[in-house]
N, C-alpha and C. Protein backbone atom coordinates (compact mmCIF):
# COMPACT_ATOMS: atom_id res chain seq x y z
N MET A 1 -39.87 46.36 34.22
CA MET A 1 -39.26 46.08 35.27
C MET A 1 -37.85 45.67 35.89
N MET A 2 -37.30 46.64 36.53
CA MET A 2 -36.00 45.95 36.81
C MET A 2 -35.58 44.71 37.83
N LYS A 3 -34.52 44.25 38.06
CA LYS A 3 -34.31 42.99 39.12
C LYS A 3 -34.72 43.51 40.12
N ASP A 4 -34.02 44.75 40.77
CA ASP A 4 -34.72 45.52 42.21
C ASP A 4 -35.55 45.83 42.19
N ASP A 5 -36.81 46.26 41.38
CA ASP A 5 -38.37 45.97 41.68
C ASP A 5 -39.02 45.06 41.74
N LEU A 6 -38.67 43.54 41.41
CA LEU A 6 -39.12 42.31 40.92
C LEU A 6 -38.42 42.27 42.80
N LEU A 7 -37.70 42.47 43.20
CA LEU A 7 -37.41 41.60 44.21
C LEU A 7 -38.05 41.91 45.37
N TYR A 8 -37.77 43.71 45.26
CA TYR A 8 -38.84 44.35 46.22
C TYR A 8 -39.87 44.02 46.61
N TYR A 9 -40.82 43.65 45.38
CA TYR A 9 -42.39 44.20 44.90
C TYR A 9 -43.13 42.69 45.22
N VAL A 10 -42.46 41.67 44.13
CA VAL A 10 -43.01 39.84 44.51
C VAL A 10 -42.17 39.27 44.99
N PHE A 11 -40.90 39.55 45.22
CA PHE A 11 -40.00 38.00 45.61
C PHE A 11 -40.50 38.15 47.61
N LEU A 12 -40.09 39.75 48.23
CA LEU A 12 -40.22 39.92 49.54
C LEU A 12 -41.78 40.00 49.70
N PRO A 13 -42.38 40.51 49.45
CA PRO A 13 -44.40 39.70 50.17
C PRO A 13 -44.51 38.58 49.82
N VAL A 14 -44.14 37.92 49.09
CA VAL A 14 -44.49 36.26 49.03
C VAL A 14 -43.50 35.67 50.13
N LEU A 15 -42.29 35.94 50.46
CA LEU A 15 -41.61 35.47 51.87
C LEU A 15 -42.07 35.77 52.54
N ALA A 16 -42.76 37.18 52.72
CA ALA A 16 -43.53 37.42 54.53
C ALA A 16 -44.58 36.90 54.26
N VAL A 17 -45.21 36.82 53.57
CA VAL A 17 -47.01 36.12 53.69
C VAL A 17 -46.34 34.74 53.74
N ALA A 18 -45.36 33.77 53.33
CA ALA A 18 -44.99 33.04 53.32
C ALA A 18 -44.25 31.92 55.22
N THR A 19 -43.51 33.65 55.39
CA THR A 19 -43.22 33.71 56.83
C THR A 19 -44.66 33.50 57.79
N LEU A 20 -45.29 34.52 57.52
CA LEU A 20 -46.52 34.13 58.34
C LEU A 20 -47.19 33.02 58.61
N LEU A 21 -47.31 32.67 57.20
CA LEU A 21 -48.55 30.82 57.39
C LEU A 21 -47.89 29.90 57.87
N ILE A 22 -46.20 30.14 57.24
CA ILE A 22 -45.60 28.79 58.33
C ILE A 22 -45.14 29.11 60.05
N ALA A 23 -45.30 30.38 60.48
CA ALA A 23 -45.48 30.59 61.66
C ALA A 23 -46.32 30.34 62.66
N TRP A 24 -47.48 30.10 61.61
CA TRP A 24 -48.75 30.08 62.35
C TRP A 24 -48.98 28.61 62.57
N ARG A 25 -48.78 27.93 61.10
CA ARG A 25 -48.37 26.11 61.28
C ARG A 25 -47.09 25.53 62.67
N PHE A 26 -46.57 26.46 62.66
CA PHE A 26 -45.16 26.07 63.93
C PHE A 26 -46.36 26.67 65.04
N PHE A 27 -46.43 27.68 65.59
CA PHE A 27 -47.81 27.54 67.17
C PHE A 27 -49.07 26.62 66.90
N LYS A 28 -49.48 26.71 65.72
CA LYS A 28 -50.74 25.39 65.30
C LYS A 28 -50.82 24.31 65.51
N GLY A 29 -49.56 23.97 65.19
CA GLY A 29 -49.62 22.48 64.53
C GLY A 29 -49.99 21.24 65.48
N PRO A 30 -50.62 20.64 65.70
CA PRO A 30 -51.50 19.25 66.45
C PRO A 30 -49.78 18.41 66.80
N ARG A 31 -49.40 18.35 66.25
CA ARG A 31 -47.70 16.99 66.63
C ARG A 31 -46.39 17.72 66.33
N LEU A 32 -46.21 17.01 66.69
CA LEU A 32 -44.07 17.67 67.03
C LEU A 32 -43.88 17.44 65.68
N SER A 33 -44.15 16.79 64.75
CA SER A 33 -43.28 16.40 63.41
C SER A 33 -44.17 17.49 62.47
N ASP A 34 -45.10 18.17 62.73
CA ASP A 34 -45.71 19.39 62.39
C ASP A 34 -44.93 20.48 62.68
N ARG A 35 -44.43 20.53 64.08
CA ARG A 35 -43.63 21.90 64.46
C ARG A 35 -42.47 21.75 63.77
N VAL A 36 -42.18 19.81 63.58
CA VAL A 36 -40.50 20.22 63.23
C VAL A 36 -40.09 20.96 61.42
N VAL A 37 -41.19 20.27 61.04
CA VAL A 37 -41.20 20.24 59.26
C VAL A 37 -42.46 22.52 59.37
N ALA A 38 -42.45 22.69 59.96
CA ALA A 38 -42.42 24.37 60.00
C ALA A 38 -41.13 24.82 60.34
N LEU A 39 -40.52 24.53 61.19
CA LEU A 39 -39.72 25.13 61.61
C LEU A 39 -38.19 24.70 60.76
N ASP A 40 -38.05 23.73 60.23
CA ASP A 40 -37.02 23.75 58.79
C ASP A 40 -37.60 24.60 57.72
N LEU A 41 -39.40 24.73 57.47
CA LEU A 41 -39.70 25.68 56.56
C LEU A 41 -39.68 27.03 56.82
N LEU A 42 -39.16 27.74 58.28
CA LEU A 42 -39.07 29.37 58.90
C LEU A 42 -37.67 28.94 58.38
N ILE A 43 -36.59 28.21 58.83
CA ILE A 43 -35.14 28.48 58.23
C ILE A 43 -35.05 28.59 56.84
N THR A 44 -35.50 27.97 55.69
CA THR A 44 -35.26 27.93 54.35
C THR A 44 -36.07 29.28 54.29
N THR A 45 -37.43 29.64 54.47
CA THR A 45 -37.50 31.25 54.18
C THR A 45 -36.82 32.04 54.44
N GLY A 46 -35.80 31.95 55.78
CA GLY A 46 -35.09 32.90 55.99
C GLY A 46 -34.22 33.10 55.44
N ILE A 47 -33.74 31.74 55.27
CA ILE A 47 -32.38 31.76 53.93
C ILE A 47 -32.65 32.68 52.64
N GLY A 48 -34.32 32.39 51.86
CA GLY A 48 -34.40 33.03 50.67
C GLY A 48 -34.10 34.04 51.20
N ILE A 49 -34.81 34.81 52.50
CA ILE A 49 -35.03 36.33 52.75
C ILE A 49 -33.40 36.64 52.83
N ILE A 50 -33.19 36.08 53.29
CA ILE A 50 -30.97 36.27 53.26
C ILE A 50 -30.59 36.62 52.02
N ALA A 51 -30.78 35.87 50.83
CA ALA A 51 -30.60 35.58 49.33
C ALA A 51 -31.10 36.75 48.69
N VAL A 52 -32.52 37.32 49.12
CA VAL A 52 -32.69 38.28 48.40
C VAL A 52 -31.73 39.40 48.57
N TYR A 53 -32.21 39.46 50.31
CA TYR A 53 -31.19 40.92 50.21
C TYR A 53 -29.50 40.61 50.06
N SER A 54 -29.06 39.68 50.13
CA SER A 54 -27.83 39.93 49.21
C SER A 54 -27.93 40.09 48.28
N ILE A 55 -28.91 39.61 47.46
CA ILE A 55 -28.98 40.35 45.84
C ILE A 55 -28.79 42.30 45.90
N LEU A 56 -30.02 42.75 46.32
CA LEU A 56 -30.35 43.75 46.89
C LEU A 56 -29.95 44.82 47.58
N ALA A 57 -28.51 44.63 47.89
CA ALA A 57 -27.67 44.99 49.21
C ALA A 57 -26.39 44.92 48.28
N ASP A 58 -26.38 44.03 47.36
CA ASP A 58 -24.57 43.70 46.53
C ASP A 58 -23.97 43.09 47.51
N ARG A 59 -24.04 41.93 48.82
CA ARG A 59 -23.05 42.00 49.27
C ARG A 59 -22.89 40.29 49.45
N PRO A 60 -22.44 40.03 48.86
CA PRO A 60 -21.64 38.31 48.47
C PRO A 60 -21.43 37.32 49.91
N THR A 61 -21.01 38.02 50.56
CA THR A 61 -20.68 37.42 52.23
C THR A 61 -22.16 36.96 52.82
N PHE A 62 -23.27 37.34 52.63
CA PHE A 62 -24.60 37.42 53.44
C PHE A 62 -24.61 35.59 52.44
N LEU A 63 -24.91 35.41 51.41
CA LEU A 63 -24.60 34.02 50.81
C LEU A 63 -23.58 33.00 51.51
N ASP A 64 -22.66 33.20 52.33
CA ASP A 64 -22.07 32.53 52.88
C ASP A 64 -22.63 32.14 54.56
N ILE A 65 -23.01 33.33 55.09
CA ILE A 65 -24.19 32.77 55.76
C ILE A 65 -25.51 32.31 55.69
N ALA A 66 -25.86 32.39 54.64
CA ALA A 66 -27.29 31.61 54.75
C ALA A 66 -26.72 30.05 53.85
N MET A 67 -25.44 30.24 53.38
CA MET A 67 -24.86 28.51 53.51
C MET A 67 -25.17 27.94 54.33
N ILE A 68 -24.31 28.57 55.94
CA ILE A 68 -24.08 27.87 56.93
C ILE A 68 -25.24 27.78 58.09
N LEU A 69 -26.34 28.38 57.90
CA LEU A 69 -27.87 28.24 58.20
C LEU A 69 -28.68 26.95 57.65
N ALA A 70 -28.10 26.80 55.83
CA ALA A 70 -28.90 25.95 55.74
C ALA A 70 -27.90 24.62 56.29
N LEU A 71 -27.34 24.87 56.52
CA LEU A 71 -26.65 23.64 57.01
C LEU A 71 -26.78 23.54 58.31
N ILE A 72 -27.20 24.39 59.43
CA ILE A 72 -27.15 23.94 60.43
C ILE A 72 -28.52 23.41 60.28
N ALA A 73 -29.69 24.03 59.66
CA ALA A 73 -31.33 23.55 59.22
C ALA A 73 -31.07 21.85 58.99
N PHE A 74 -30.27 21.60 58.43
CA PHE A 74 -29.89 20.34 58.36
C PHE A 74 -29.42 19.45 58.93
N LEU A 75 -28.68 19.53 60.05
CA LEU A 75 -28.70 18.90 61.27
C LEU A 75 -29.58 19.15 62.04
N THR A 76 -30.08 19.81 62.40
CA THR A 76 -31.15 20.23 63.04
C THR A 76 -32.45 19.17 62.64
N THR A 77 -32.73 19.46 61.62
CA THR A 77 -33.86 18.54 61.30
C THR A 77 -33.51 16.42 61.00
N VAL A 78 -32.45 16.73 60.64
CA VAL A 78 -32.08 15.33 61.23
C VAL A 78 -32.15 14.62 62.87
N ALA A 79 -31.54 15.79 63.56
CA ALA A 79 -31.29 15.58 64.94
C ALA A 79 -33.17 15.56 65.15
N PHE A 80 -33.80 15.98 65.15
CA PHE A 80 -35.39 15.96 65.35
C PHE A 80 -36.12 14.22 64.91
N SER A 81 -35.53 14.07 63.78
CA SER A 81 -36.12 12.96 63.29
C SER A 81 -35.38 12.05 63.73
N TYR A 82 -34.39 12.10 64.18
CA TYR A 82 -33.94 10.74 64.95
C TYR A 82 -34.42 10.70 66.69
N TYR A 83 -34.74 12.03 66.92
CA TYR A 83 -35.70 11.88 68.18
C TYR A 83 -36.49 11.63 67.99
N LEU A 84 -37.08 11.82 67.31
CA LEU A 84 -38.90 11.06 66.97
C LEU A 84 -38.76 9.83 66.70
N GLU A 85 -37.95 9.18 65.92
CA GLU A 85 -37.34 7.81 65.48
C GLU A 85 -37.23 7.30 66.73
N LYS A 86 -36.58 7.60 68.05
CA LYS A 86 -36.41 7.17 69.46
C LYS A 86 -37.71 7.11 69.97
N ARG A 87 -38.35 8.28 69.85
CA ARG A 87 -39.46 8.46 70.46
C ARG A 87 -40.52 7.25 70.78
N GLU A 88 -40.77 7.30 69.06
CA GLU A 88 -41.70 6.33 68.86
C GLU A 88 -41.59 5.05 68.85
N GLY A 89 -40.13 4.55 68.91
CA GLY A 89 -39.61 3.44 69.61
C GLY A 89 -39.78 2.95 70.99
N ASP A 90 -39.95 4.01 71.66
CA ASP A 90 -39.83 3.73 73.42
C ASP A 90 -41.11 3.28 73.76
N ASP A 91 -42.32 3.57 72.84
CA ASP A 91 -43.80 3.77 73.34
C ASP A 91 -44.15 2.51 72.77
C-alpha cells in the first residue's frame, strides 16, 4: 500500500467521521464548555485535514496555513476559558 492510498482510504475517512461526530457534539452539547471543547476539536481536525491535503497535493505552503489556524485556535480557546472563568465568578 502506497502512502497516497493510505492517506486517501484510511486517514481522510477517519478524519471525516471524527468531524461529523465532533460537529454533533458541538450542536448537541448540553453546556457551553462542551461546545468550546468541540469547537477546539473541530479546528484541530480541520488542521489534520489540511495537513493530509498538503501531503497529497505536494504543497507545503498549506502547512503554514495549518500553523496559523492552530495559533488562532489556541487563542480562541484561551479567550473562551477566560470568558467562562469570569462568567462563573459573577454568579
